[in-house]
């Protein structure tokens, strides 16, 4: 399999990351984030992580309770 000589790893990596960059804008930073935007992203990430953790704990507790209930009922 041969690759086109104009395709470079930097260009391929740029296609995988957001924002998608064209060949003319590969070295230009689109914009920097403000501290308040970073804080909002951090809060949202913390919220999603906390909700995910709680859901996971509830599911695991349900599985554990189900196994104990089956043990109490004598189901093997």
PDB file of N, CA and C in Angstrom:
ATOM      1  N   UNK A   1       0.847  -1.171   0.000  1.00  0.00           N
ATOM      2  CA  UNK A   1       0.000   0.000   0.000  1.00  0.00           C
ATOM      3  C   UNK A   1       0.892   1.234   0.000  1.00  0.00           C
ATOM      4  N   UNK A   2       0.625   2.129  -0.880  1.00  0.00           N
ATOM      5  CA  UNK A   2       1.451   3.329  -0.994  1.00  0.00           C
ATOM      6  C   UNK A   2       0.650   4.549  -0.575  1.00  0.00           C
ATOM      7  N   UNK A   3       1.313   5.476   0.083  1.00  0.00           N
ATOM      8  CA  UNK A   3       0.687   6.718   0.508  1.00  0.00           C
ATOM      9  C   UNK A   3       1.069   7.837  -0.440  1.00  0.00           C
ATOM     10  N   UNK A   4       0.158   8.733  -0.590  1.00  0.00           N
ATOM     11  CA  UNK A   4       0.420   9.886  -1.440  1.00  0.00           C
ATOM     12  C   UNK A   4       1.525  10.721  -0.788  1.00  0.00           C
ATOM     13  N   UNK A   5       2.497  11.227  -1.548  1.00  0.00           N
ATOM     14  CA  UNK A   5       3.615  11.963  -0.937  1.00  0.00           C
ATOM     15  C   UNK A   5       3.202  13.280  -0.292  1.00  0.00           C
ATOM     16  N   UNK A   6       2.025  13.806  -0.609  1.00  0.00           N
ATOM     17  CA  UNK A   6       1.578  15.062  -0.020  1.00  0.00           C
ATOM     18  C   UNK A   6       0.880  14.869   1.328  1.00  0.00           C
ATOM     19  N   UNK A   7       0.602  13.630   1.695  1.00  0.00           N
ATOM     20  CA  UNK A   7      -0.063  13.360   2.966  1.00  0.00           C
ATOM     21  C   UNK A   7       1.005  13.206   4.041  1.00  0.00           C
ATOM     22  N   UNK A   8       0.910  14.008   5.084  1.00  0.00           N
ATOM     23  CA  UNK A   8       1.871  13.966   6.173  1.00  0.00           C
ATOM     24  C   UNK A   8       1.163  13.596   7.464  1.00  0.00           C
ATOM     25  N   UNK A   9       1.901  13.088   8.422  1.00  0.00           N
ATOM     26  CA  UNK A   9       1.330  12.676   9.701  1.00  0.00           C
ATOM     27  C   UNK A   9       0.676  13.861  10.399  1.00  0.00           C
ATOM     28  N   UNK A  10       1.275  15.032  10.315  1.00  0.00           N
ATOM     29  CA  UNK A  10       0.708  16.218  10.962  1.00  0.00           C
ATOM     30  C   UNK A  10      -0.661  16.552  10.376  1.00  0.00           C
ATOM     31  N   UNK A  11      -0.797  16.422   9.067  1.00  0.00           N
ATOM     32  CA  UNK A  11      -2.081  16.688   8.441  1.00  0.00           C
ATOM     33  C   UNK A  11      -3.117  15.653   8.854  1.00  0.00           C
ATOM     34  N   UNK A  12      -2.712  14.385   8.925  1.00  0.00           N
ATOM     35  CA  UNK A  12      -3.645  13.337   9.322  1.00  0.00           C
ATOM     36  C   UNK A  12      -4.077  13.511  10.776  1.00  0.00           C
ATOM     37  N   UNK A  13      -3.136  13.878  11.650  1.00  0.00           N
ATOM     38  CA  UNK A  13      -3.474  14.100  13.048  1.00  0.00           C
ATOM     39  C   UNK A  13      -4.390  15.314  13.189  1.00  0.00           C
ATOM     40  N   UNK A  14      -4.181  16.330  12.365  1.00  0.00           N
ATOM     41  CA  UNK A  14      -5.030  17.510  12.423  1.00  0.00           C
ATOM     42  C   UNK A  14      -6.456  17.220  12.038  1.00  0.00           C
ATOM     43  N   UNK A  15      -6.659  16.212  11.198  1.00  0.00           N
ATOM     44  CA  UNK A  15      -8.019  15.845  10.809  1.00  0.00           C
ATOM     45  C   UNK A  15      -8.775  15.151  11.924  1.00  0.00           C
ATOM     46  N   UNK A  16      -8.053  14.541  12.862  1.00  0.00           N
ATOM     47  CA  UNK A  16      -8.699  13.810  13.947  1.00  0.00           C
ATOM     48  C   UNK A  16      -9.096  14.698  15.114  1.00  0.00           C
ATOM     49  N   UNK A  17      -8.535  15.882  15.207  1.00  0.00           N
ATOM     50  CA  UNK A  17      -8.776  16.744  16.349  1.00  0.00           C
ATOM     51  C   UNK A  17      -9.705  17.889  15.999  1.00  0.00           C
ATOM     52  N   UNK A  18     -10.408  18.374  16.983  1.00  0.00           N
ATOM     53  CA  UNK A  18     -11.333  19.490  16.817  1.00  0.00           C
ATOM     54  C   UNK A  18     -10.614  20.764  17.183  1.00  0.00           C
ATOM     55  N   UNK A  19     -10.747  21.869  16.566  1.00  0.00           N
ATOM     56  CA  UNK A  19     -11.507  22.063  15.335  1.00  0.00           C
ATOM     57  C   UNK A  19     -10.726  21.537  14.139  1.00  0.00           C
ATOM     58  N   UNK A  20     -11.470  21.101  13.132  1.00  0.00           N
ATOM     59  CA  UNK A  20     -10.823  20.597  11.931  1.00  0.00           C
ATOM     60  C   UNK A  20     -10.103  21.744  11.240  1.00  0.00           C
ATOM     61  N   UNK A  21      -8.881  21.507  10.877  1.00  0.00           N
ATOM     62  CA  UNK A  21      -8.071  22.563  10.288  1.00  0.00           C
ATOM     63  C   UNK A  21      -7.789  22.253   8.829  1.00  0.00           C
ATOM     64  N   UNK A  22      -7.743  23.274   8.050  1.00  0.00           N
ATOM     65  CA  UNK A  22      -7.362  23.117   6.662  1.00  0.00           C
ATOM     66  C   UNK A  22      -5.848  23.216   6.552  1.00  0.00           C
ATOM     67  N   UNK A  23      -5.313  23.000   5.380  1.00  0.00           N
ATOM     68  CA  UNK A  23      -3.866  23.056   5.206  1.00  0.00           C
ATOM     69  C   UNK A  23      -3.320  24.446   5.493  1.00  0.00           C
ATOM     70  N   UNK A  24      -4.115  25.464   5.226  1.00  0.00           N
ATOM     71  CA  UNK A  24      -3.632  26.833   5.438  1.00  0.00           C
ATOM     72  C   UNK A  24      -3.590  27.201   6.921  1.00  0.00           C
ATOM     73  N   UNK A  25      -4.396  26.542   7.743  1.00  0.00           N
ATOM     74  CA  UNK A  25      -4.526  26.933   9.143  1.00  0.00           C
ATOM     75  C   UNK A  25      -3.945  25.895  10.091  1.00  0.00           C
ATOM     76  N   UNK A  26      -3.006  25.095   9.673  1.00  0.00           N
ATOM     77  CA  UNK A  26      -2.472  24.057  10.550  1.00  0.00           C
ATOM     78  C   UNK A  26      -1.621  24.609  11.681  1.00  0.00           C
ATOM     79  N   UNK A  27      -1.039  25.790  11.515  1.00  0.00           N
ATOM     80  CA  UNK A  27      -0.175  26.322  12.567  1.00  0.00           C
ATOM     81  C   UNK A  27      -0.831  27.462  13.338  1.00  0.00           C
ATOM     82  N   UNK A  28      -2.049  27.842  12.994  1.00  0.00           N
ATOM     83  CA  UNK A  28      -2.714  28.969  13.638  1.00  0.00           C
ATOM     84  C   UNK A  28      -3.623  28.451  14.746  1.00  0.00           C
ATOM     85  N   UNK A  29      -3.488  29.010  15.940  1.00  0.00           N
ATOM     86  CA  UNK A  29      -4.385  28.659  17.037  1.00  0.00           C
ATOM     87  C   UNK A  29      -5.684  29.420  16.828  1.00  0.00           C
ATOM     88  N   UNK A  30      -6.815  28.694  16.878  1.00  0.00           N
ATOM     89  CA  UNK A  30      -8.087  29.326  16.539  1.00  0.00           C
ATOM     90  C   UNK A  30      -8.461  30.405  17.558  1.00  0.00           C
ATOM     91  N   UNK A  31      -8.460  30.064  18.854  1.00  0.00           N
ATOM     92  CA  UNK A  31      -8.716  31.058  19.892  1.00  0.00           C
ATOM     93  C   UNK A  31      -8.423  30.414  21.234  1.00  0.00           C
ATOM     94  N   UNK A  32      -8.129  31.245  22.211  1.00  0.00           N
ATOM     95  CA  UNK A  32      -7.879  30.713  23.542  1.00  0.00           C
ATOM     96  C   UNK A  32      -9.156  30.823  24.363  1.00  0.00           C
ATOM     97  N   UNK A  33      -9.252  29.989  25.362  1.00  0.00           N
ATOM     98  CA  UNK A  33     -10.432  29.976  26.214  1.00  0.00           C
ATOM     99  C   UNK A  33     -10.220  30.888  27.415  1.00  0.00           C
ATOM    100  N   UNK A  34     -11.300  31.519  27.834  1.00  0.00           N
ATOM    101  CA  UNK A  34     -11.207  32.371  29.014  1.00  0.00           C
ATOM    102  C   UNK A  34     -11.289  31.513  30.273  1.00  0.00           C
ATOM    103  N   UNK A  35     -10.974  32.105  31.393  1.00  0.00           N
ATOM    104  CA  UNK A  35     -11.010  31.376  32.662  1.00  0.00           C
ATOM    105  C   UNK A  35     -12.428  30.958  33.010  1.00  0.00           C
ATOM    106  N   UNK A  36     -13.419  31.798  32.693  1.00  0.00           N
ATOM    107  CA  UNK A  36     -14.801  31.444  33.016  1.00  0.00           C
ATOM    108  C   UNK A  36     -15.277  30.274  32.158  1.00  0.00           C
ATOM    109  N   UNK A  37     -14.846  30.212  30.898  1.00  0.00           N
ATOM    110  CA  UNK A  37     -15.208  29.079  30.049  1.00  0.00           C
ATOM    111  C   UNK A  37     -14.562  27.797  30.564  1.00  0.00           C
ATOM    112  N   UNK A  38     -13.313  27.892  30.971  1.00  0.00           N
ATOM    113  CA  UNK A  38     -12.637  26.724  31.535  1.00  0.00           C
ATOM    114  C   UNK A  38     -13.312  26.264  32.820  1.00  0.00           C
ATOM    115  N   UNK A  39     -13.774  27.215  33.634  1.00  0.00           N
ATOM    116  CA  UNK A  39     -14.465  26.868  34.875  1.00  0.00           C
ATOM    117  C   UNK A  39     -15.787  26.170  34.582  1.00  0.00           C
ATOM    118  N   UNK A  40     -16.508  26.641  33.567  1.00  0.00           N
ATOM    119  CA  UNK A  40     -17.769  25.999  33.203  1.00  0.00           C
ATOM    120  C   UNK A  40     -17.541  24.579  32.706  1.00  0.00           C
ATOM    121  N   UNK A  41     -16.500  24.385  31.923  1.00  0.00           N
ATOM    122  CA  UNK A  41     -16.176  23.044  31.431  1.00  0.00           C
ATOM    123  C   UNK A  41     -15.794  22.138  32.592  1.00  0.00           C
ATOM    124  N   UNK A  42     -15.031  22.664  33.539  1.00  0.00           N
ATOM    125  CA  UNK A  42     -14.631  21.868  34.706  1.00  0.00           C
ATOM    126  C   UNK A  42     -15.840  21.481  35.541  1.00  0.00           C
ATOM    127  N   UNK A  43     -16.770  22.420  35.732  1.00  0.00           N
ATOM    128  CA  UNK A  43     -17.978  22.109  36.500  1.00  0.00           C
ATOM    129  C   UNK A  43     -18.825  21.067  35.787  1.00  0.00           C
ATOM    130  N   UNK A  44     -18.962  21.197  34.473  1.00  0.00           N
ATOM    131  CA  UNK A  44     -19.747  20.230  33.713  1.00  0.00           C
ATOM    132  C   UNK A  44     -19.104  18.841  33.762  1.00  0.00           C
ATOM    133  N   UNK A  45     -17.791  18.799  33.672  1.00  0.00           N
ATOM    134  CA  UNK A  45     -17.084  17.523  33.741  1.00  0.00           C
ATOM    135  C   UNK A  45     -17.259  16.880  35.106  1.00  0.00           C
ATOM    136  N   UNK A  46     -17.156  17.675  36.151  1.00  0.00           N
ATOM    137  CA  UNK A  46     -17.356  17.166  37.508  1.00  0.00           C
ATOM    138  C   UNK A  46     -18.782  16.658  37.694  1.00  0.00           C
ATOM    139  N   UNK A  47     -19.762  17.393  37.172  1.00  0.00           N
ATOM    140  CA  UNK A  47     -21.163  16.983  37.286  1.00  0.00           C
ATOM    141  C   UNK A  47     -21.395  15.651  36.574  1.00  0.00           C
ATOM    142  N   UNK A  48     -20.908  15.531  35.341  1.00  0.00           N
ATOM    143  CA  UNK A  48     -21.103  14.295  34.578  1.00  0.00           C
ATOM    144  C   UNK A  48     -20.393  13.124  35.261  1.00  0.00           C
ATOM    145  N   UNK A  49     -19.214  13.371  35.788  1.00  0.00           N
ATOM    146  CA  UNK A  49     -18.481  12.312  36.486  1.00  0.00           C
ATOM    147  C   UNK A  49     -19.222  11.863  37.741  1.00  0.00           C
ATOM    148  N   UNK A  50     -19.773  12.812  38.479  1.00  0.00           N
ATOM    149  CA  UNK A  50     -20.503  12.485  39.700  1.00  0.00           C
ATOM    150  C   UNK A  50     -21.766  11.690  39.384  1.00  0.00           C
ATOM    151  N   UNK A  51     -22.505  12.115  38.375  1.00  0.00           N
ATOM    152  CA  UNK A  51     -23.723  11.395  37.992  1.00  0.00           C
ATOM    153  C   UNK A  51     -23.378   9.986  37.518  1.00  0.00           C
ATOM    154  N   UNK A  52     -22.313   9.855  36.757  1.00  0.00           N
ATOM    155  CA  UNK A  52     -21.882   8.535  36.281  1.00  0.00           C
ATOM    156  C   UNK A  52     -21.506   7.638  37.450  1.00  0.00           C
ATOM    157  N   UNK A  53     -20.798   8.181  38.417  1.00  0.00           N
ATOM    158  CA  UNK A  53     -20.408   7.408  39.595  1.00  0.00           C
ATOM    159  C   UNK A  53     -21.630   6.944  40.381  1.00  0.00           C
ATOM    160  N   UNK A  54     -22.593   7.826  40.582  1.00  0.00           N
ATOM    161  CA  UNK A  54     -23.798   7.467  41.332  1.00  0.00           C
ATOM    162  C   UNK A  54     -24.581   6.378  40.599  1.00  0.00           C
ATOM    163  N   UNK A  55     -24.728   6.512  39.294  1.00  0.00           N
ATOM    164  CA  UNK A  55     -25.448   5.493  38.520  1.00  0.00           C
ATOM    165  C   UNK A  55     -24.720   4.153  38.602  1.00  0.00           C
ATOM    166  N   UNK A  56     -23.406   4.182  38.484  1.00  0.00           N
ATOM    167  CA  UNK A  56     -22.632   2.946  38.581  1.00  0.00           C
ATOM    168  C   UNK A  56     -22.793   2.296  39.953  1.00  0.00           C
ATOM    169  N   UNK A  57     -22.750   3.087  41.012  1.00  0.00           N
ATOM    170  CA  UNK A  57     -22.934   2.534  42.357  1.00  0.00           C
ATOM    171  C   UNK A  57     -24.324   1.947  42.548  1.00  0.00           C
ATOM    172  N   UNK A  58     -25.339   2.589  42.012  1.00  0.00           N
ATOM    173  CA  UNK A  58     -26.707   2.068  42.119  1.00  0.00           C
ATOM    174  C   UNK A  58     -26.826   0.745  41.367  1.00  0.00           C
ATOM    175  N   UNK A  59     -26.242   0.666  40.182  1.00  0.00           N
ATOM    176  CA  UNK A  59     -26.295  -0.580  39.408  1.00  0.00           C
ATOM    177  C   UNK A  59     -25.565  -1.696  40.140  1.00  0.00           C
ATOM    178  N   UNK A  60     -24.396  -1.405  40.663  1.00  0.00           N
ATOM    179  CA  UNK A  60     -23.649  -2.434  41.393  1.00  0.00           C
ATOM    180  C   UNK A  60     -24.376  -2.861  42.667  1.00  0.00           C
ATOM    181  N   UNK A  61     -24.995  -1.925  43.367  1.00  0.00           N
ATOM    182  CA  UNK A  61     -25.776  -2.274  44.558  1.00  0.00           C
ATOM    183  C   UNK A  61     -26.966  -3.144  44.178  1.00  0.00           C
ATOM    184  N   UNK A  62     -27.601  -2.831  43.056  1.00  0.00           N
ATOM    185  CA  UNK A  62     -28.726  -3.656  42.592  1.00  0.00           C
ATOM    186  C   UNK A  62     -28.290  -5.067  42.254  1.00  0.00           C
ATOM    187  N   UNK A  63     -27.152  -5.206  41.610  1.00  0.00           N
ATOM    188  CA  UNK A  63     -26.640  -6.543  41.287  1.00  0.00           C
ATOM    189  C   UNK A  63     -26.327  -7.304  42.565  1.00  0.00           C
ATOM    190  N   UNK A  64     -25.692  -6.633  43.512  1.00  0.00           N
ATOM    191  CA  UNK A  64     -25.346  -7.280  44.778  1.00  0.00           C
ATOM    192  C   UNK A  64     -26.595  -7.693  45.544  1.00  0.00           C
ATOM    193  N   UNK A  65     -27.572  -6.798  45.593  1.00  0.00           N
ATOM    194  CA  UNK A  65     -28.822  -7.137  46.289  1.00  0.00           C
ATOM    195  C   UNK A  65     -29.518  -8.302  45.592  1.00  0.00           C
ATOM    196  N   UNK A  66     -29.500  -8.320  44.278  1.00  0.00           N
ATOM    197  CA  UNK A  66     -30.127  -9.423  43.546  1.00  0.00           C
ATOM    198  C   UNK A  66     -29.466 -10.750  43.843  1.00  0.00           C
ATOM    199  N   UNK A  67     -28.153 -10.757  43.939  1.00  0.00           N
ATOM    200  CA  UNK A  67     -27.454 -11.999  44.271  1.00  0.00           C
ATOM    201  C   UNK A  67     -27.789 -12.459  45.687  1.00  0.00           C
ATOM    202  N   UNK A  68     -27.859 -11.509  46.627  1.00  0.00           N
ATOM    203  CA  UNK A  68     -28.208 -11.875  48.005  1.00  0.00           C
ATOM    204  C   UNK A  68     -29.643 -12.384  48.085  1.00  0.00           C
ATOM    205  N   UNK A  69     -30.544 -11.738  47.347  1.00  0.00           N
ATOM    206  CA  UNK A  69     -31.940 -12.180  47.357  1.00  0.00           C
ATOM    207  C   UNK A  69     -32.053 -13.592  46.796  1.00  0.00           C
ATOM    208  N   UNK A  70     -31.305 -13.886  45.750  1.00  0.00           N
ATOM    209  CA  UNK A  70     -31.333 -15.237  45.198  1.00  0.00           C
ATOM    210  C   UNK A  70     -30.764 -16.239  46.195  1.00  0.00           C
ATOM    211  N   UNK A  71     -29.752 -15.829  46.956  1.00  0.00           N
ATOM    212  CA  UNK A  71     -29.183 -16.698  47.981  1.00  0.00           C
ATOM    213  C   UNK A  71     -30.204 -16.973  49.072  1.00  0.00           C
ATOM    214  N   UNK A  72     -30.926 -15.919  49.516  1.00  0.00           N
ATOM    215  CA  UNK A  72     -31.943 -16.082  50.559  1.00  0.00           C
ATOM    216  C   UNK A  72     -33.085 -16.983  50.082  1.00  0.00           C
ATOM    217  N   UNK A  73     -33.416 -16.895  48.806  1.00  0.00           N
ATOM    218  CA  UNK A  73     -34.512 -17.703  48.270  1.00  0.00           C
ATOM    219  C   UNK A  73     -34.090 -19.121  47.973  1.00  0.00           C
ATOM    220  N   UNK A  74     -32.812 -19.387  48.046  1.00  0.00           N
ATOM    221  CA  UNK A  74     -32.322 -20.736  47.811  1.00  0.00           C
ATOM    222  C   UNK A  74     -32.160 -21.091  46.345  1.00  0.00           C
ATOM    223  N   UNK A  75     -32.146 -20.086  45.474  1.00  0.00           N
ATOM    224  CA  UNK A  75     -31.960 -20.346  44.050  1.00  0.00           C
ATOM    225  C   UNK A  75     -30.466 -20.529  43.799  1.00  0.00           C
ATOM    226  N   UNK A  76     -30.153 -21.604  43.046  1.00  0.00           N
ATOM    227  CA  UNK A  76     -28.735 -21.846  42.794  1.00  0.00           C
ATOM    228  C   UNK A  76     -28.404 -21.705  41.352  1.00  0.00           C
TER     229      UNK A  76
END
